[in-house]
PDB file of N, CA and C in Angstrom:
ATOM      1  N   MET A   1     236.456 -24.247 125.413  1.00  0.00           N
ATOM      2  CA  MET A   1     236.016 -24.904 126.049  1.00  0.00           C
ATOM      3  C   MET A   1     237.394 -25.109 127.096  1.00  0.00           C
ATOM      4  N   THR A   2     237.644 -25.054 128.583  1.00  0.00           N
ATOM      5  CA  THR A   2     238.868 -25.779 129.201  1.00  0.00           C
ATOM      6  C   THR A   2     238.841 -27.044 129.622  1.00  0.00           C
ATOM      7  N   ASN A   3     239.723 -27.762 129.285  1.00  0.00           N
ATOM      8  CA  ASN A   3     239.649 -28.974 130.426  1.00  0.00           C
ATOM      9  C   ASN A   3     240.320 -29.138 131.560  1.00  0.00           C
ATOM     10  N   GLN A   4     240.782 -29.800 132.423  1.00  0.00           N
ATOM     11  CA  GLN A   4     241.108 -29.897 133.603  1.00  0.00           C
ATOM     12  C   GLN A   4     242.121 -29.173 133.997  1.00  0.00           C
ATOM     13  N   ASN A   5     242.869 -28.822 133.261  1.00  0.00           N
ATOM     14  CA  ASN A   5     244.135 -28.079 133.065  1.00  0.00           C
ATOM     15  C   ASN A   5     244.660 -27.025 132.587  1.00  0.00           C
ATOM     16  N   TYR A   6     242.972 -26.885 132.536  1.00  0.00           N
ATOM     17  CA  TYR A   6     242.840 -25.214 132.136  1.00  0.00           C
ATOM     18  C   TYR A   6     243.817 -25.021 130.722  1.00  0.00           C
ATOM     19  N   GLU A   7     243.051 -26.015 129.888  1.00  0.00           N
ATOM     20  CA  GLU A   7     243.956 -25.485 128.248  1.00  0.00           C
ATOM     21  C   GLU A   7     242.627 -25.915 127.417  1.00  0.00           C
ATOM     22  N   ILE A   8     242.746 -24.745 126.883  1.00  0.00           N
ATOM     23  CA  ILE A   8     241.753 -24.464 125.588  1.00  0.00           C
ATOM     24  C   ILE A   8     241.691 -25.567 124.645  1.00  0.00           C
ATOM     25  N   GLU A   9     240.413 -25.974 124.935  1.00  0.00           N
ATOM     26  CA  GLU A   9     240.343 -27.285 123.664  1.00  0.00           C
ATOM     27  C   GLU A   9     238.745 -27.277 123.359  1.00  0.00           C
ATOM     28  N   ILE A  10     238.373 -28.064 121.841  1.00  0.00           N
ATOM     29  CA  ILE A  10     237.069 -27.491 121.344  1.00  0.00           C
ATOM     30  C   ILE A  10     236.560 -28.622 121.923  1.00  0.00           C
ATOM     31  N   SER A  11     235.374 -28.001 122.176  1.00  0.00           N
ATOM     32  CA  SER A  11     233.888 -28.664 122.389  1.00  0.00           C
ATOM     33  C   SER A  11     233.457 -30.129 121.807  1.00  0.00           C
ATOM     34  N   LYS A  12     233.025 -30.676 122.491  1.00  0.00           N
ATOM     35  CA  LYS A  12     232.455 -31.757 121.398  1.00  0.00           C
ATOM     36  C   LYS A  12     230.747 -31.781 121.768  1.00  0.00           C
ATOM     37  N   LYS A  13     230.240 -30.847 122.423  1.00  0.00           N
ATOM     38  CA  LYS A  13     228.495 -30.510 122.653  1.00  0.00           C
ATOM     39  C   LYS A  13     228.812 -29.325 121.700  1.00  0.00           C
ATOM     40  N   ILE A  14     227.639 -29.522 121.765  1.00  0.00           N
ATOM     41  CA  ILE A  14     226.780 -28.210 120.557  1.00  0.00           C
ATOM     42  C   ILE A  14     226.668 -27.192 121.417  1.00  0.00           C
ATOM     43  N   ALA A  15     226.842 -26.061 121.167  1.00  0.00           N
ATOM     44  CA  ALA A  15     226.845 -24.920 121.150  1.00  0.00           C
ATOM     45  C   ALA A  15     224.879 -24.448 121.647  1.00  0.00           C
ATOM     46  N   MET A  16     224.516 -24.757 120.556  1.00  0.00           N
ATOM     47  CA  MET A  16     223.215 -24.731 119.570  1.00  0.00           C
ATOM     48  C   MET A  16     222.463 -25.458 119.157  1.00  0.00           C
ATOM     49  N   ASP A  17     221.445 -25.686 118.697  1.00  0.00           N
ATOM     50  CA  ASP A  17     220.218 -26.225 118.097  1.00  0.00           C
ATOM     51  C   ASP A  17     219.463 -25.822 117.732  1.00  0.00           C
ATOM     52  N   PHE A  18     219.040 -25.791 116.378  1.00  0.00           N
ATOM     53  CA  PHE A  18     217.765 -24.758 115.883  1.00  0.00           C
ATOM     54  C   PHE A  18     217.167 -25.719 115.835  1.00  0.00           C
ATOM     55  N   ILE A  19     215.883 -25.217 116.362  1.00  0.00           N
ATOM     56  CA  ILE A  19     214.853 -26.368 116.162  1.00  0.00           C
ATOM     57  C   ILE A  19     214.211 -25.903 115.179  1.00  0.00           C
ATOM     58  N   LYS A  20     214.181 -24.932 114.205  1.00  0.00           N
ATOM     59  CA  LYS A  20     213.797 -24.332 113.259  1.00  0.00           C
ATOM     60  C   LYS A  20     214.391 -22.561 113.152  1.00  0.00           C
ATOM     61  N   LEU A  21     214.504 -22.765 111.709  1.00  0.00           N
ATOM     62  CA  LEU A  21     215.482 -21.166 111.133  1.00  0.00           C
ATOM     63  C   LEU A  21     214.628 -20.367 111.118  1.00  0.00           C
ATOM     64  N   PRO A  22     214.469 -19.070 111.645  1.00  0.00           N
ATOM     65  CA  PRO A  22     213.792 -17.514 111.707  1.00  0.00           C
ATOM     66  C   PRO A  22     213.260 -17.693 110.239  1.00  0.00           C
ATOM     67  N   LYS A  23     212.085 -17.586 110.763  1.00  0.00           N
ATOM     68  CA  LYS A  23     211.420 -16.944 109.107  1.00  0.00           C
ATOM     69  C   LYS A  23     211.519 -15.300 108.845  1.00  0.00           C
ATOM     70  N   ILE A  24     212.424 -14.899 107.587  1.00  0.00           N
ATOM     71  CA  ILE A  24     212.385 -13.674 107.837  1.00  0.00           C
ATOM     72  C   ILE A  24     211.573 -12.891 106.549  1.00  0.00           C
ATOM     73  N   ASN A  25     211.208 -11.640 106.912  1.00  0.00           N
ATOM     74  CA  ASN A  25     210.080 -11.281 106.092  1.00  0.00           C
ATOM     75  C   ASN A  25     210.823 -10.048 105.363  1.00  0.00           C
ATOM     76  N   LEU A  26     211.261 -10.683 103.859  1.00  0.00           N
ATOM     77  CA  LEU A  26     212.154  -8.990 103.253  1.00  0.00           C
ATOM     78  C   LEU A  26     211.026  -8.234 102.897  1.00  0.00           C
ATOM     79  N   SER A  27     212.060  -6.878 102.513  1.00  0.00           N
ATOM     80  CA  SER A  27     210.776  -5.630 102.404  1.00  0.00           C
ATOM     81  C   SER A  27     211.733  -4.401 101.339  1.00  0.00           C
ATOM     82  N   ASN A  28     210.935  -4.241 100.379  1.00  0.00           N
ATOM     83  CA  ASN A  28     212.382  -2.705  99.558  1.00  0.00           C
ATOM     84  C   ASN A  28     211.404  -1.206 100.148  1.00  0.00           C
ATOM     85  N   LYS A  29     210.875  -1.334 100.740  1.00  0.00           N
ATOM     86  CA  LYS A  29     210.698  -0.202 101.649  1.00  0.00           C
ATOM     87  C   LYS A  29     211.644   0.337 102.535  1.00  0.00           C
ATOM     88  N   SER A  30     211.710   1.809 101.918  1.00  0.00           N
ATOM     89  CA  SER A  30     212.874   2.728 102.955  1.00  0.00           C
ATOM     90  C   SER A  30     212.161   3.940 103.625  1.00  0.00           C
ATOM     91  N   TYR A  31     212.875   4.213 104.564  1.00  0.00           N
ATOM     92  CA  TYR A  31     212.033   5.687 104.762  1.00  0.00           C
ATOM     93  C   TYR A  31     213.230   6.409 105.385  1.00  0.00           C
ATOM     94  N   LEU A  32     213.615   7.981 104.800  1.00  0.00           N
ATOM     95  CA  LEU A  32     214.534   8.755 104.771  1.00  0.00           C
ATOM     96  C   LEU A  32     213.715  10.356 105.500  1.00  0.00           C
ATOM     97  N   LYS A  33     213.808  10.892 106.640  1.00  0.00           N
ATOM     98  CA  LYS A  33     213.041  11.792 107.092  1.00  0.00           C
ATOM     99  C   LYS A  33     214.200  12.878 107.372  1.00  0.00           C
ATOM    100  N   MET A  34     214.231  13.770 106.742  1.00  0.00           N
ATOM    101  CA  MET A  34     215.305  15.399 107.181  1.00  0.00           C
ATOM    102  C   MET A  34     214.840  15.836 108.641  1.00  0.00           C
ATOM    103  N   ILE A  35     216.015  15.664 109.378  1.00  0.00           N
ATOM    104  CA  ILE A  35     215.539  16.441 110.830  1.00  0.00           C
ATOM    105  C   ILE A  35     216.384  17.848 110.941  1.00  0.00           C
ATOM    106  N   ARG A  36     215.241  18.914 110.914  1.00  0.00           N
ATOM    107  CA  ARG A  36     215.908  19.943 110.999  1.00  0.00           C
ATOM    108  C   ARG A  36     215.729  20.636 112.639  1.00  0.00           C
ATOM    109  N   PRO A  37     215.935  21.010 113.191  1.00  0.00           N
ATOM    110  CA  PRO A  37     216.217  21.020 114.759  1.00  0.00           C
ATOM    111  C   PRO A  37     215.972  22.485 114.758  1.00  0.00           C
ATOM    112  N   SER A  38     214.557  22.753 115.793  1.00  0.00           N
ATOM    113  CA  SER A  38     214.273  24.320 115.344  1.00  0.00           C
ATOM    114  C   SER A  38     214.435  24.599 117.156  1.00  0.00           C
ATOM    115  N   THR A  39     214.501  23.831 118.006  1.00  0.00           N
ATOM    116  CA  THR A  39     215.598  24.939 119.400  1.00  0.00           C
ATOM    117  C   THR A  39     217.389  24.421 119.902  1.00  0.00           C
ATOM    118  N   LYS A  40     217.768  24.996 120.436  1.00  0.00           N
ATOM    119  CA  LYS A  40     218.863  24.050 120.880  1.00  0.00           C
ATOM    120  C   LYS A  40     218.495  22.466 121.747  1.00  0.00           C
ATOM    121  N   LEU A  41     217.631  22.506 122.166  1.00  0.00           N
ATOM    122  CA  LEU A  41     217.320  21.243 122.967  1.00  0.00           C
ATOM    123  C   LEU A  41     217.041  20.442 121.895  1.00  0.00           C
ATOM    124  N   GLU A  42     216.460  20.766 120.626  1.00  0.00           N
ATOM    125  CA  GLU A  42     216.300  20.011 119.571  1.00  0.00           C
ATOM    126  C   GLU A  42     218.083  19.257 118.901  1.00  0.00           C
ATOM    127  N   VAL A  43     218.471  20.328 119.147  1.00  0.00           N
ATOM    128  CA  VAL A  43     220.055  20.300 118.635  1.00  0.00           C
ATOM    129  C   VAL A  43     220.631  19.328 119.482  1.00  0.00           C
ATOM    130  N   GLY A  44     220.662  19.180 120.614  1.00  0.00           N
ATOM    131  CA  GLY A  44     221.390  18.509 121.961  1.00  0.00           C
ATOM    132  C   GLY A  44     220.695  17.251 122.346  1.00  0.00           C
ATOM    133  N   LEU A  45     218.904  17.501 121.653  1.00  0.00           N
ATOM    134  CA  LEU A  45     218.865  15.677 121.261  1.00  0.00           C
ATOM    135  C   LEU A  45     219.295  14.734 120.672  1.00  0.00           C
ATOM    136  N   ILE A  46     218.837  15.336 119.131  1.00  0.00           N
ATOM    137  CA  ILE A  46     219.478  14.994 118.125  1.00  0.00           C
ATOM    138  C   ILE A  46     221.200  14.517 117.640  1.00  0.00           C
ATOM    139  N   SER A  47     221.988  15.651 118.941  1.00  0.00           N
ATOM    140  CA  SER A  47     223.590  14.871 118.693  1.00  0.00           C
ATOM    141  C   SER A  47     223.552  13.429 119.430  1.00  0.00           C
ATOM    142  N   SER A  48     223.182  13.349 120.556  1.00  0.00           N
ATOM    143  CA  SER A  48     222.607  12.620 121.311  1.00  0.00           C
ATOM    144  C   SER A  48     221.943  11.137 121.230  1.00  0.00           C
ATOM    145  N   ASN A  49     221.489  11.391 119.541  1.00  0.00           N
ATOM    146  CA  ASN A  49     220.999  10.472 119.007  1.00  0.00           C
ATOM    147  C   ASN A  49     219.853  10.024 119.651  1.00  0.00           C
ATOM    148  N   ILE A  50     218.931  10.915 120.275  1.00  0.00           N
ATOM    149  CA  ILE A  50     217.639  10.934 120.991  1.00  0.00           C
ATOM    150  C   ILE A  50     216.178  11.836 119.640  1.00  0.00           C
ATOM    151  N   PHE A  51     215.754  10.995 119.566  1.00  0.00           N
ATOM    152  CA  PHE A  51     214.962  11.331 118.391  1.00  0.00           C
ATOM    153  C   PHE A  51     213.317  11.543 118.850  1.00  0.00           C
ATOM    154  N   SER A  52     212.582  12.335 118.559  1.00  0.00           N
ATOM    155  CA  SER A  52     211.152  12.659 118.545  1.00  0.00           C
ATOM    156  C   SER A  52     210.489  12.115 117.307  1.00  0.00           C
ATOM    157  N   ILE A  53     209.523  11.615 117.812  1.00  0.00           N
ATOM    158  CA  ILE A  53     208.741  10.922 116.985  1.00  0.00           C
ATOM    159  C   ILE A  53     206.909  10.594 117.268  1.00  0.00           C
ATOM    160  N   GLU A  54     206.429  11.380 116.051  1.00  0.00           N
ATOM    161  CA  GLU A  54     204.357  11.713 116.931  1.00  0.00           C
ATOM    162  C   GLU A  54     204.065   9.906 116.843  1.00  0.00           C
ATOM    163  N   ASN A  55     204.063   9.737 115.197  1.00  0.00           N
ATOM    164  CA  ASN A  55     204.202   8.607 115.341  1.00  0.00           C
ATOM    165  C   ASN A  55     204.659   7.100 114.882  1.00  0.00           C
ATOM    166  N   LEU A  56     204.609   6.490 116.149  1.00  0.00           N
ATOM    167  CA  LEU A  56     205.395   5.002 116.203  1.00  0.00           C
ATOM    168  C   LEU A  56     204.737   4.001 115.462  1.00  0.00           C
ATOM    169  N   SER A  57     203.998   4.151 114.912  1.00  0.00           N
ATOM    170  CA  SER A  57     203.117   2.762 113.880  1.00  0.00           C
ATOM    171  C   SER A  57     204.160   2.337 112.620  1.00  0.00           C
ATOM    172  N   SER A  58     205.166   3.134 112.982  1.00  0.00           N
ATOM    173  CA  SER A  58     206.097   2.976 111.485  1.00  0.00           C
ATOM    174  C   SER A  58     206.865   1.778 111.914  1.00  0.00           C
ATOM    175  N   PHE A  59     207.059   1.886 112.812  1.00  0.00           N
ATOM    176  CA  PHE A  59     208.050   1.068 113.723  1.00  0.00           C
ATOM    177  C   PHE A  59     207.754   0.060 114.422  1.00  0.00           C
ATOM    178  N   PRO A  60     207.658  -1.315 113.833  1.00  0.00           N
ATOM    179  CA  PRO A  60     206.588  -2.074 114.814  1.00  0.00           C
ATOM    180  C   PRO A  60     207.014  -2.817 116.064  1.00  0.00           C
ATOM    181  N   PHE A  61     208.097  -3.017 115.755  1.00  0.00           N
ATOM    182  CA  PHE A  61     209.105  -3.516 116.719  1.00  0.00           C
ATOM    183  C   PHE A  61     209.131  -3.016 118.463  1.00  0.00           C
ATOM    184  N   ILE A  62     208.657  -1.494 117.891  1.00  0.00           N
ATOM    185  CA  ILE A  62     209.002  -0.896 119.404  1.00  0.00           C
ATOM    186  C   ILE A  62     207.657  -0.336 119.920  1.00  0.00           C
ATOM    187  N   LYS A  63     207.617  -1.161 121.660  1.00  0.00           N
ATOM    188  CA  LYS A  63     206.670  -1.095 122.134  1.00  0.00           C
ATOM    189  C   LYS A  63     206.377   0.141 122.777  1.00  0.00           C
ATOM    190  N   ILE A  64     205.205   0.642 122.631  1.00  0.00           N
ATOM    191  CA  ILE A  64     204.843   1.486 123.368  1.00  0.00           C
ATOM    192  C   ILE A  64     204.492   1.807 124.760  1.00  0.00           C
ATOM    193  N   ASP A  65     204.958   1.996 125.827  1.00  0.00           N
ATOM    194  CA  ASP A  65     204.658   2.090 127.007  1.00  0.00           C
ATOM    195  C   ASP A  65     204.721   3.073 127.718  1.00  0.00           C
ATOM    196  N   GLY A  66     205.226   4.543 127.579  1.00  0.00           N
ATOM    197  CA  GLY A  66     205.500   5.170 128.269  1.00  0.00           C
ATOM    198  C   GLY A  66     204.703   6.217 127.537  1.00  0.00           C
ATOM    199  N   GLU A  67     204.754   7.652 128.676  1.00  0.00           N
ATOM    200  CA  GLU A  67     203.734   8.607 128.084  1.00  0.00           C
ATOM    201  C   GLU A  67     204.864   9.279 127.062  1.00  0.00           C
ATOM    202  N   SER A  68     203.868   9.970 126.456  1.00  0.00           N
ATOM    203  CA  SER A  68     204.975  11.184 125.162  1.00  0.00           C
ATOM    204  C   SER A  68     204.392  12.885 126.055  1.00  0.00           C
ATOM    205  N   TYR A  69     205.253  13.446 125.362  1.00  0.00           N
ATOM    206  CA  TYR A  69     205.238  14.677 125.752  1.00  0.00           C
ATOM    207  C   TYR A  69     204.438  15.762 124.425  1.00  0.00           C
ATOM    208  N   GLU A  70     203.573  16.257 124.567  1.00  0.00           N
ATOM    209  CA  GLU A  70     203.173  16.956 123.465  1.00  0.00           C
ATOM    210  C   GLU A  70     202.813  16.288 122.302  1.00  0.00           C
ATOM    211  N   ASP A  71     202.430  15.068 122.462  1.00  0.00           N
ATOM    212  CA  ASP A  71     201.850  13.784 121.592  1.00  0.00           C
ATOM    213  C   ASP A  71     203.396  13.643 120.942  1.00  0.00           C
ATOM    214  N   PHE A  72     204.587  13.444 121.345  1.00  0.00           N
ATOM    215  CA  PHE A  72     205.792  13.152 120.800  1.00  0.00           C
ATOM    216  C   PHE A  72     206.107  12.225 121.570  1.00  0.00           C
ATOM    217  N   TYR A  73     207.159  11.296 120.956  1.00  0.00           N
ATOM    218  CA  TYR A  73     207.880   9.983 121.926  1.00  0.00           C
ATOM    219  C   TYR A  73     209.097  10.325 121.747  1.00  0.00           C
ATOM    220  N   TYR A  74     209.523  10.284 122.339  1.00  0.00           N
ATOM    221  CA  TYR A  74     210.928  10.226 122.558  1.00  0.00           C
ATOM    222  C   TYR A  74     211.852   8.933 122.165  1.00  0.00           C
ATOM    223  N   ILE A  75     212.625   8.627 121.488  1.00  0.00           N
ATOM    224  CA  ILE A  75     213.428   6.972 121.604  1.00  0.00           C
ATOM    225  C   ILE A  75     215.187   7.377 121.373  1.00  0.00           C
ATOM    226  N   LEU A  76     215.373   6.511 121.777  1.00  0.00           N
ATOM    227  CA  LEU A  76     216.678   6.505 121.824  1.00  0.00           C
ATOM    228  C   LEU A  76     217.308   5.475 120.795  1.00  0.00           C
TER     229      LEU A  76
END
């Protein structure tokens, strides 16, 4: 925070105030899938961190609102 003379000083106001702490559900589940590209297009997409996934239900934080291509979804 800066004062009238444009000097930096410690703020006397609270920047954030948590009403409730967020609840975190821990999980011991892990998932690893080796991707072996079969075309040059897939090599280019994977090297750009673009992956194709058939089933997005394993990613509950991803909302499916786009179109699929041959039953695959492409995510960044």
